[in-house]
Amino acid sequence: MGTKIANFILSNKRNGQKMLAVLIDPDKAQASHLKNLLRPENISKIDLLFIGGSVLTSGNIHQTIESVKSLCDIPRVIFPGSPDQISSAADAILLLTLISGRNPELLIGKHVESALRLKQSNLEILPTGYILIDGGAPTTVSYISGTTPIPANKPGLAAMTALAGEQLGLGIIYMDAGSGAKNPIPAQMITSVREHTNQPIVVGGGIRTMEGIHAAWNAGADIVVIGNRLEEDPGFLQNL
């Protein structure tokens, strides 16, 4: 497996270069939407594309990745909701371990199920500690995963969970309030996690303003992820 994407993230982290990732849901990725989203003025501001979703009802992840590939050269990273969301058309995959929950299927079960397919693919594997944070509203990922998010007022618990993930060898910590979250992850919680882990930190969910993006970066996030905001307003990035 290659290390191109991992090295890109680690190099930016060492240099203090903050990154922006855009989450694309294949269920919502019509051709017209992708062309509008990935226009030149937006492409120049996006570092990574995360592609996937907790549940796919009508979208095809392989077709979505191929469509994105025809529009830009931004690195394509699968954000999988299930072992079915594996495609060699992508550059890398976040191998998510839901360390904030106690669902054995998402701690090891699904990894066993997908292991051979991943070994046979050309995907760069990015072992990622996935931490769900309460964003003030029920989300698809908490329902599907059958787990309870960490309360937003428990920064210490999030920090110890992230630290445990680092000690287990997970190379990225992904803090997520979930798609459709009412509130973003509090800056204090991001800072607490930053103080206890050396790994790159990804933060997503509930971020809808430029101020929210910068607040997450300033609190210690290396990568901020936006999704729903761009579905509503593809021109949002122009002011970044």
C-alpha atoms as a PDB file:
ATOM      1  CA  MET A   1       0.000   0.000   0.000  1.00  0.00           C
ATOM      2  CA  GLY A   2       1.171   3.518  -0.771  1.00  0.00           C
ATOM      3  CA  THR A   3       1.634   6.313   1.714  1.00  0.00           C
ATOM      4  CA  LYS A   4       1.028   9.323  -0.524  1.00  0.00           C
ATOM      5  CA  ILE A   5      -2.102  10.625   1.242  1.00  0.00           C
ATOM      6  CA  ALA A   6      -0.784   9.888   4.734  1.00  0.00           C
ATOM      7  CA  ASN A   7       2.451  11.726   3.943  1.00  0.00           C
ATOM      8  CA  PHE A   8       0.486  14.655   2.520  1.00  0.00           C
ATOM      9  CA  ILE A   9      -1.549  14.977   5.720  1.00  0.00           C
ATOM     10  CA  LEU A  10       1.439  14.545   8.033  1.00  0.00           C
ATOM     11  CA  SER A  11       3.568  17.008   6.073  1.00  0.00           C
ATOM     12  CA  ASN A  12       0.858  19.665   6.251  1.00  0.00           C
ATOM     13  CA  LYS A  13       0.409  19.032   9.959  1.00  0.00           C
ATOM     14  CA  ARG A  14       4.132  19.437  10.624  1.00  0.00           C
ATOM     15  CA  ASN A  15       4.157  22.675   8.625  1.00  0.00           C
ATOM     16  CA  GLY A  16       1.081  24.064  10.371  1.00  0.00           C
ATOM     17  CA  GLN A  17      -0.864  24.046   7.104  1.00  0.00           C
ATOM     18  CA  LYS A  18      -4.572  23.648   7.838  1.00  0.00           C
ATOM     19  CA  MET A  19      -6.622  21.542   5.414  1.00  0.00           C
ATOM     20  CA  LEU A  20     -10.192  21.509   4.150  1.00  0.00           C
ATOM     21  CA  ALA A  21     -12.027  18.344   3.132  1.00  0.00           C
ATOM     22  CA  VAL A  22     -15.394  18.172   1.405  1.00  0.00           C
ATOM     23  CA  LEU A  23     -17.695  15.236   2.111  1.00  0.00           C
ATOM     24  CA  ILE A  24     -19.637  13.984  -0.909  1.00  0.00           C
ATOM     25  CA  ASP A  25     -22.623  11.713  -0.324  1.00  0.00           C
ATOM     26  CA  PRO A  26     -23.144   9.426  -3.364  1.00  0.00           C
ATOM     27  CA  ASP A  27     -26.913   9.548  -2.740  1.00  0.00           C
ATOM     28  CA  LYS A  28     -26.835  13.288  -3.452  1.00  0.00           C
ATOM     29  CA  ALA A  29     -24.075  13.375  -6.061  1.00  0.00           C
ATOM     30  CA  GLN A  30     -25.937  14.107  -9.270  1.00  0.00           C
ATOM     31  CA  ALA A  31     -23.746  15.151 -12.200  1.00  0.00           C
ATOM     32  CA  SER A  32     -25.018  18.738 -12.128  1.00  0.00           C
ATOM     33  CA  HIS A  33     -24.293  19.040  -8.405  1.00  0.00           C
ATOM     34  CA  LEU A  34     -20.754  17.717  -8.784  1.00  0.00           C
ATOM     35  CA  LYS A  35     -19.970  20.091 -11.650  1.00  0.00           C
ATOM     36  CA  ASN A  36     -21.267  23.018  -9.633  1.00  0.00           C
ATOM     37  CA  LEU A  37     -19.405  21.946  -6.518  1.00  0.00           C
ATOM     38  CA  LEU A  38     -16.107  21.195  -8.250  1.00  0.00           C
ATOM     39  CA  ARG A  39     -15.807  24.328 -10.309  1.00  0.00           C
ATOM     40  CA  PRO A  40     -12.326  25.882 -10.575  1.00  0.00           C
ATOM     41  CA  GLU A  41     -12.788  28.514  -7.872  1.00  0.00           C
ATOM     42  CA  ASN A  42     -13.770  25.783  -5.382  1.00  0.00           C
ATOM     43  CA  ILE A  43     -11.170  23.224  -6.431  1.00  0.00           C
ATOM     44  CA  SER A  44      -8.361  25.580  -5.500  1.00  0.00           C
ATOM     45  CA  LYS A  45      -9.564  25.653  -1.885  1.00  0.00           C
ATOM     46  CA  ILE A  46     -10.194  21.943  -1.311  1.00  0.00           C
ATOM     47  CA  ASP A  47      -7.395  19.663  -0.103  1.00  0.00           C
ATOM     48  CA  LEU A  48      -9.231  16.341   0.127  1.00  0.00           C
ATOM     49  CA  LEU A  49     -12.511  14.820  -1.012  1.00  0.00           C
ATOM     50  CA  PHE A  50     -14.181  12.344   1.350  1.00  0.00           C
ATOM     51  CA  ILE A  51     -16.695  10.189  -0.518  1.00  0.00           C
ATOM     52  CA  GLY A  52     -19.238   7.897   1.164  1.00  0.00           C
ATOM     53  CA  GLY A  53     -22.103   7.825   3.632  1.00  0.00           C
ATOM     54  CA  SER A  54     -23.577   5.992   6.599  1.00  0.00           C
ATOM     55  CA  VAL A  55     -26.235   4.451   4.339  1.00  0.00           C
ATOM     56  CA  LEU A  56     -26.462   4.442   0.544  1.00  0.00           C
ATOM     57  CA  THR A  57     -29.969   4.015  -0.822  1.00  0.00           C
ATOM     58  CA  SER A  58     -29.632   5.016  -4.466  1.00  0.00           C
ATOM     59  CA  GLY A  59     -26.088   6.275  -4.955  1.00  0.00           C
ATOM     60  CA  ASN A  60     -23.196   4.292  -6.410  1.00  0.00           C
ATOM     61  CA  ILE A  61     -19.864   5.052  -4.765  1.00  0.00           C
ATOM     62  CA  HIS A  62     -17.761   3.768  -7.679  1.00  0.00           C
ATOM     63  CA  GLN A  63     -19.655   5.886 -10.211  1.00  0.00           C
ATOM     64  CA  THR A  64     -19.442   8.921  -7.935  1.00  0.00           C
ATOM     65  CA  ILE A  65     -15.684   8.552  -7.567  1.00  0.00           C
ATOM     66  CA  GLU A  66     -15.263   8.151 -11.324  1.00  0.00           C
ATOM     67  CA  SER A  67     -17.362  11.276 -11.912  1.00  0.00           C
ATOM     68  CA  VAL A  68     -15.272  13.234  -9.429  1.00  0.00           C
ATOM     69  CA  LYS A  69     -12.112  11.892 -11.049  1.00  0.00           C
ATOM     70  CA  SER A  70     -13.195  13.312 -14.404  1.00  0.00           C
ATOM     71  CA  LEU A  71     -13.664  16.771 -12.894  1.00  0.00           C
ATOM     72  CA  CYS A  72     -10.553  17.308 -10.749  1.00  0.00           C
ATOM     73  CA  ASP A  73      -7.328  15.849  -9.382  1.00  0.00           C
ATOM     74  CA  ILE A  74      -8.106  16.417  -5.697  1.00  0.00           C
ATOM     75  CA  PRO A  75      -7.211  13.255  -3.714  1.00  0.00           C
ATOM     76  CA  ARG A  76     -10.270  11.006  -3.343  1.00  0.00           C
ATOM     77  CA  VAL A  77     -10.625   9.280   0.028  1.00  0.00           C
ATOM     78  CA  ILE A  78     -13.427   6.842   0.778  1.00  0.00           C
ATOM     79  CA  PHE A  79     -15.364   7.580   3.973  1.00  0.00           C
ATOM     80  CA  PRO A  80     -17.057   4.188   4.251  1.00  0.00           C
ATOM     81  CA  GLY A  81     -20.333   3.424   5.940  1.00  0.00           C
ATOM     82  CA  SER A  82     -20.032  -0.296   5.163  1.00  0.00           C
ATOM     83  CA  PRO A  83     -17.671  -2.842   3.549  1.00  0.00           C
ATOM     84  CA  ASP A  84     -19.640  -2.397   0.324  1.00  0.00           C
ATOM     85  CA  GLN A  85     -18.187   1.090  -0.038  1.00  0.00           C
ATOM     86  CA  ILE A  86     -14.831   0.020  -1.435  1.00  0.00           C
ATOM     87  CA  SER A  87     -13.671   1.117  -4.877  1.00  0.00           C
ATOM     88  CA  SER A  88     -10.238   1.040  -6.463  1.00  0.00           C
ATOM     89  CA  ALA A  89     -11.151   4.231  -8.306  1.00  0.00           C
ATOM     90  CA  ALA A  90     -10.310   6.136  -5.107  1.00  0.00           C
ATOM     91  CA  ASP A  91      -6.835   6.978  -3.850  1.00  0.00           C
ATOM     92  CA  ALA A  92      -7.285   5.969  -0.223  1.00  0.00           C
ATOM     93  CA  ILE A  93      -9.795   4.806   2.359  1.00  0.00           C
ATOM     94  CA  LEU A  94     -10.338   5.844   5.956  1.00  0.00           C
ATOM     95  CA  LEU A  95     -10.365   2.498   7.778  1.00  0.00           C
ATOM     96  CA  LEU A  96     -12.711   3.646  10.509  1.00  0.00           C
ATOM     97  CA  THR A  97     -12.722   2.109  13.974  1.00  0.00           C
ATOM     98  CA  LEU A  98     -15.580   3.520  16.036  1.00  0.00           C
ATOM     99  CA  ILE A  99     -13.637   3.911  19.272  1.00  0.00           C
ATOM    100  CA  SER A 100     -16.304   6.046  20.971  1.00  0.00           C
ATOM    101  CA  GLY A 101     -18.776   3.128  20.827  1.00  0.00           C
ATOM    102  CA  ARG A 102     -18.880  -0.444  22.023  1.00  0.00           C
ATOM    103  CA  ASN A 103     -20.364  -2.063  18.939  1.00  0.00           C
ATOM    104  CA  PRO A 104     -18.027  -5.006  18.168  1.00  0.00           C
ATOM    105  CA  GLU A 105     -19.001  -4.955  14.495  1.00  0.00           C
ATOM    106  CA  LEU A 106     -17.524  -1.461  14.156  1.00  0.00           C
ATOM    107  CA  LEU A 107     -14.506  -2.206  16.338  1.00  0.00           C
ATOM    108  CA  ILE A 108     -13.369  -5.301  14.382  1.00  0.00           C
ATOM    109  CA  GLY A 109     -16.251  -7.186  12.719  1.00  0.00           C
ATOM    110  CA  LYS A 110     -16.596  -5.080   9.579  1.00  0.00           C
ATOM    111  CA  HIS A 111     -12.817  -4.853   9.290  1.00  0.00           C
ATOM    112  CA  VAL A 112     -12.564  -8.646   9.067  1.00  0.00           C
ATOM    113  CA  GLU A 113     -15.330  -8.668   6.475  1.00  0.00           C
ATOM    114  CA  SER A 114     -13.536  -6.142   4.276  1.00  0.00           C
ATOM    115  CA  ALA A 115      -9.914  -7.197   4.892  1.00  0.00           C
ATOM    116  CA  LEU A 116      -9.396  -9.344   1.786  1.00  0.00           C
ATOM    117  CA  ARG A 117     -11.064  -6.838  -0.527  1.00  0.00           C
ATOM    118  CA  LEU A 118      -8.850  -4.096   0.835  1.00  0.00           C
ATOM    119  CA  LYS A 119      -5.716  -6.231   0.469  1.00  0.00           C
ATOM    120  CA  GLN A 120      -6.587  -6.891  -3.185  1.00  0.00           C
ATOM    121  CA  SER A 121      -7.324  -3.238  -3.910  1.00  0.00           C
ATOM    122  CA  ASN A 122      -4.788  -0.541  -4.688  1.00  0.00           C
ATOM    123  CA  LEU A 123      -6.178   1.714  -1.977  1.00  0.00           C
ATOM    124  CA  GLU A 124      -3.936   3.421   0.539  1.00  0.00           C
ATOM    125  CA  ILE A 125      -5.324   2.412   3.929  1.00  0.00           C
ATOM    126  CA  LEU A 126      -5.557   5.130   6.582  1.00  0.00           C
ATOM    127  CA  PRO A 127      -6.305   3.557  10.013  1.00  0.00           C
ATOM    128  CA  THR A 128      -8.613   6.060  11.698  1.00  0.00           C
ATOM    129  CA  GLY A 129     -10.040   6.346  15.189  1.00  0.00           C
ATOM    130  CA  TYR A 130     -13.621   7.521  14.682  1.00  0.00           C
ATOM    131  CA  ILE A 131     -15.215   9.406  17.582  1.00  0.00           C
ATOM    132  CA  LEU A 132     -18.866  10.448  17.556  1.00  0.00           C
ATOM    133  CA  ILE A 133     -19.685  13.625  19.480  1.00  0.00           C
ATOM    134  CA  ASP A 134     -23.206  14.735  20.393  1.00  0.00           C
ATOM    135  CA  GLY A 135     -24.172  17.515  17.983  1.00  0.00           C
ATOM    136  CA  GLY A 136     -27.513  18.339  19.570  1.00  0.00           C
ATOM    137  CA  ALA A 137     -29.657  16.212  17.248  1.00  0.00           C
ATOM    138  CA  PRO A 138     -30.004  12.512  16.384  1.00  0.00           C
ATOM    139  CA  THR A 139     -27.913  11.598  13.335  1.00  0.00           C
ATOM    140  CA  THR A 140     -27.920   8.771  10.842  1.00  0.00           C
ATOM    141  CA  VAL A 141     -24.515   7.523  11.928  1.00  0.00           C
ATOM    142  CA  SER A 142     -25.489   7.183  15.596  1.00  0.00           C
ATOM    143  CA  TYR A 143     -28.677   5.342  14.625  1.00  0.00           C
ATOM    144  CA  ILE A 144     -26.982   2.987  12.167  1.00  0.00           C
ATOM    145  CA  SER A 145     -24.011   2.316  14.423  1.00  0.00           C
ATOM    146  CA  GLY A 146     -26.193   1.676  17.451  1.00  0.00           C
ATOM    147  CA  THR A 147     -23.866   3.749  19.628  1.00  0.00           C
ATOM    148  CA  THR A 148     -24.213   6.745  21.911  1.00  0.00           C
ATOM    149  CA  PRO A 149     -22.124   9.820  21.038  1.00  0.00           C
ATOM    150  CA  ILE A 150     -19.809  11.321  23.638  1.00  0.00           C
ATOM    151  CA  PRO A 151     -21.583  14.260  25.339  1.00  0.00           C
ATOM    152  CA  ALA A 152     -20.375  17.611  24.033  1.00  0.00           C
ATOM    153  CA  ASN A 153     -19.647  18.788  27.594  1.00  0.00           C
ATOM    154  CA  LYS A 154     -17.192  15.935  28.291  1.00  0.00           C
ATOM    155  CA  PRO A 155     -13.937  17.059  26.634  1.00  0.00           C
ATOM    156  CA  GLY A 156     -11.840  14.891  28.926  1.00  0.00           C
ATOM    157  CA  LEU A 157     -13.677  11.762  27.829  1.00  0.00           C
ATOM    158  CA  ALA A 158     -13.101  12.621  24.175  1.00  0.00           C
ATOM    159  CA  ALA A 159      -9.425  13.273  24.883  1.00  0.00           C
ATOM    160  CA  MET A 160      -8.898   9.932  26.637  1.00  0.00           C
ATOM    161  CA  THR A 161     -10.740   8.139  23.839  1.00  0.00           C
ATOM    162  CA  ALA A 162      -8.478   9.778  21.243  1.00  0.00           C
ATOM    163  CA  LEU A 163      -5.393   8.968  23.299  1.00  0.00           C
ATOM    164  CA  ALA A 164      -6.458   5.323  23.506  1.00  0.00           C
ATOM    165  CA  GLY A 165      -6.876   5.303  19.727  1.00  0.00           C
ATOM    166  CA  GLU A 166      -3.363   6.670  19.267  1.00  0.00           C
ATOM    167  CA  GLN A 167      -1.972   4.058  21.668  1.00  0.00           C
ATOM    168  CA  LEU A 168      -3.708   1.372  19.606  1.00  0.00           C
ATOM    169  CA  GLY A 169      -1.793   2.586  16.564  1.00  0.00           C
ATOM    170  CA  LEU A 170      -4.554   4.497  14.770  1.00  0.00           C
ATOM    171  CA  GLY A 171      -2.894   7.173  12.652  1.00  0.00           C
ATOM    172  CA  ILE A 172      -5.766   9.677  12.382  1.00  0.00           C
ATOM    173  CA  ILE A 173      -8.381  10.854  14.885  1.00  0.00           C
ATOM    174  CA  TYR A 174     -11.722  11.799  13.324  1.00  0.00           C
ATOM    175  CA  MET A 175     -14.140  13.704  15.584  1.00  0.00           C
ATOM    176  CA  ASP A 176     -17.604  13.818  14.039  1.00  0.00           C
ATOM    177  CA  ALA A 177     -20.861  15.363  15.189  1.00  0.00           C
ATOM    178  CA  GLY A 178     -22.537  13.637  12.239  1.00  0.00           C
ATOM    179  CA  SER A 179     -24.284  14.816   9.108  1.00  0.00           C
ATOM    180  CA  GLY A 180     -27.162  17.095  10.005  1.00  0.00           C
ATOM    181  CA  ALA A 181     -25.791  17.930  13.447  1.00  0.00           C
ATOM    182  CA  LYS A 182     -27.412  20.957  15.036  1.00  0.00           C
ATOM    183  CA  ASN A 183     -24.208  22.112  16.725  1.00  0.00           C
ATOM    184  CA  PRO A 184     -20.526  21.808  15.774  1.00  0.00           C
ATOM    185  CA  ILE A 185     -18.058  20.163  18.126  1.00  0.00           C
ATOM    186  CA  PRO A 186     -17.079  22.669  20.852  1.00  0.00           C
ATOM    187  CA  ALA A 187     -13.656  24.276  20.503  1.00  0.00           C
ATOM    188  CA  GLN A 188     -12.803  23.271  24.063  1.00  0.00           C
ATOM    189  CA  MET A 189     -13.276  19.608  23.189  1.00  0.00           C
ATOM    190  CA  ILE A 190     -11.107  19.866  20.071  1.00  0.00           C
ATOM    191  CA  THR A 191      -8.394  21.608  22.091  1.00  0.00           C
ATOM    192  CA  SER A 192      -8.533  18.932  24.791  1.00  0.00           C
ATOM    193  CA  VAL A 193      -8.058  16.195  22.204  1.00  0.00           C
ATOM    194  CA  ARG A 194      -5.241  18.184  20.587  1.00  0.00           C
ATOM    195  CA  GLU A 195      -3.445  18.394  23.927  1.00  0.00           C
ATOM    196  CA  HIS A 196      -3.528  14.616  24.379  1.00  0.00           C
ATOM    197  CA  THR A 197      -2.730  13.241  20.925  1.00  0.00           C
ATOM    198  CA  ASN A 198      -0.026  13.853  18.358  1.00  0.00           C
ATOM    199  CA  GLN A 199      -2.045  12.378  15.505  1.00  0.00           C
ATOM    200  CA  PRO A 200      -3.726  14.497  12.798  1.00  0.00           C
ATOM    201  CA  ILE A 201      -7.213  15.514  13.908  1.00  0.00           C
ATOM    202  CA  VAL A 202     -10.166  15.635  11.522  1.00  0.00           C
ATOM    203  CA  VAL A 203     -13.286  17.515  12.644  1.00  0.00           C
ATOM    204  CA  GLY A 204     -16.675  17.461  10.933  1.00  0.00           C
ATOM    205  CA  GLY A 205     -20.395  17.809  11.481  1.00  0.00           C
ATOM    206  CA  GLY A 206     -22.488  20.908  12.084  1.00  0.00           C
ATOM    207  CA  ILE A 207     -19.974  23.375  10.604  1.00  0.00           C
ATOM    208  CA  ARG A 208     -21.912  25.856   8.490  1.00  0.00           C
ATOM    209  CA  THR A 209     -19.990  29.143   8.622  1.00  0.00           C
ATOM    210  CA  MET A 210     -16.547  30.465   7.797  1.00  0.00           C
ATOM    211  CA  GLU A 211     -16.193  31.343  11.466  1.00  0.00           C
ATOM    212  CA  GLY A 212     -16.943  27.724  12.351  1.00  0.00           C
ATOM    213  CA  ILE A 213     -14.228  26.464  10.028  1.00  0.00           C
ATOM    214  CA  HIS A 214     -11.633  28.815  11.478  1.00  0.00           C
ATOM    215  CA  ALA A 215     -12.751  28.105  15.053  1.00  0.00           C
ATOM    216  CA  ALA A 216     -12.133  24.379  14.539  1.00  0.00           C
ATOM    217  CA  TRP A 217      -8.742  25.021  12.942  1.00  0.00           C
ATOM    218  CA  ASN A 218      -7.733  27.419  15.714  1.00  0.00           C
ATOM    219  CA  ALA A 219      -8.818  24.922  18.373  1.00  0.00           C
ATOM    220  CA  GLY A 220      -6.447  22.298  17.006  1.00  0.00           C
ATOM    221  CA  ALA A 221      -8.108  20.559  14.047  1.00  0.00           C
ATOM    222  CA  ASP A 222      -5.786  19.802  11.148  1.00  0.00           C
ATOM    223  CA  ILE A 223      -8.587  18.978   8.708  1.00  0.00           C
ATOM    224  CA  VAL A 224     -12.083  20.456   8.774  1.00  0.00           C
ATOM    225  CA  VAL A 225     -14.825  18.627   6.879  1.00  0.00           C
ATOM    226  CA  ILE A 226     -17.884  20.310   5.405  1.00  0.00           C
ATOM    227  CA  GLY A 227     -20.744  18.612   3.608  1.00  0.00           C
ATOM    228  CA  ASN A 228     -24.325  19.736   4.055  1.00  0.00           C
ATOM    229  CA  ARG A 229     -23.380  23.409   3.839  1.00  0.00           C
ATOM    230  CA  LEU A 230     -22.037  22.935   0.323  1.00  0.00           C
ATOM    231  CA  GLU A 231     -25.069  20.930  -0.731  1.00  0.00           C
ATOM    232  CA  GLU A 232     -27.145  23.972   0.165  1.00  0.00           C
ATOM    233  CA  ASP A 233     -24.736  26.552  -1.257  1.00  0.00           C
ATOM    234  CA  PRO A 234     -21.987  25.329  -3.642  1.00  0.00           C
ATOM    235  CA  GLY A 235     -20.614  28.883  -3.732  1.00  0.00           C
ATOM    236  CA  PHE A 236     -19.906  28.886  -0.002  1.00  0.00           C
ATOM    237  CA  LEU A 237     -16.163  28.305  -0.466  1.00  0.00           C
ATOM    238  CA  GLN A 238     -15.600  31.398  -2.552  1.00  0.00           C
ATOM    239  CA  ASN A 239     -15.204  33.527   0.572  1.00  0.00           C
ATOM    240  CA  LEU A 240     -12.819  31.157   2.334  1.00  0.00           C
END
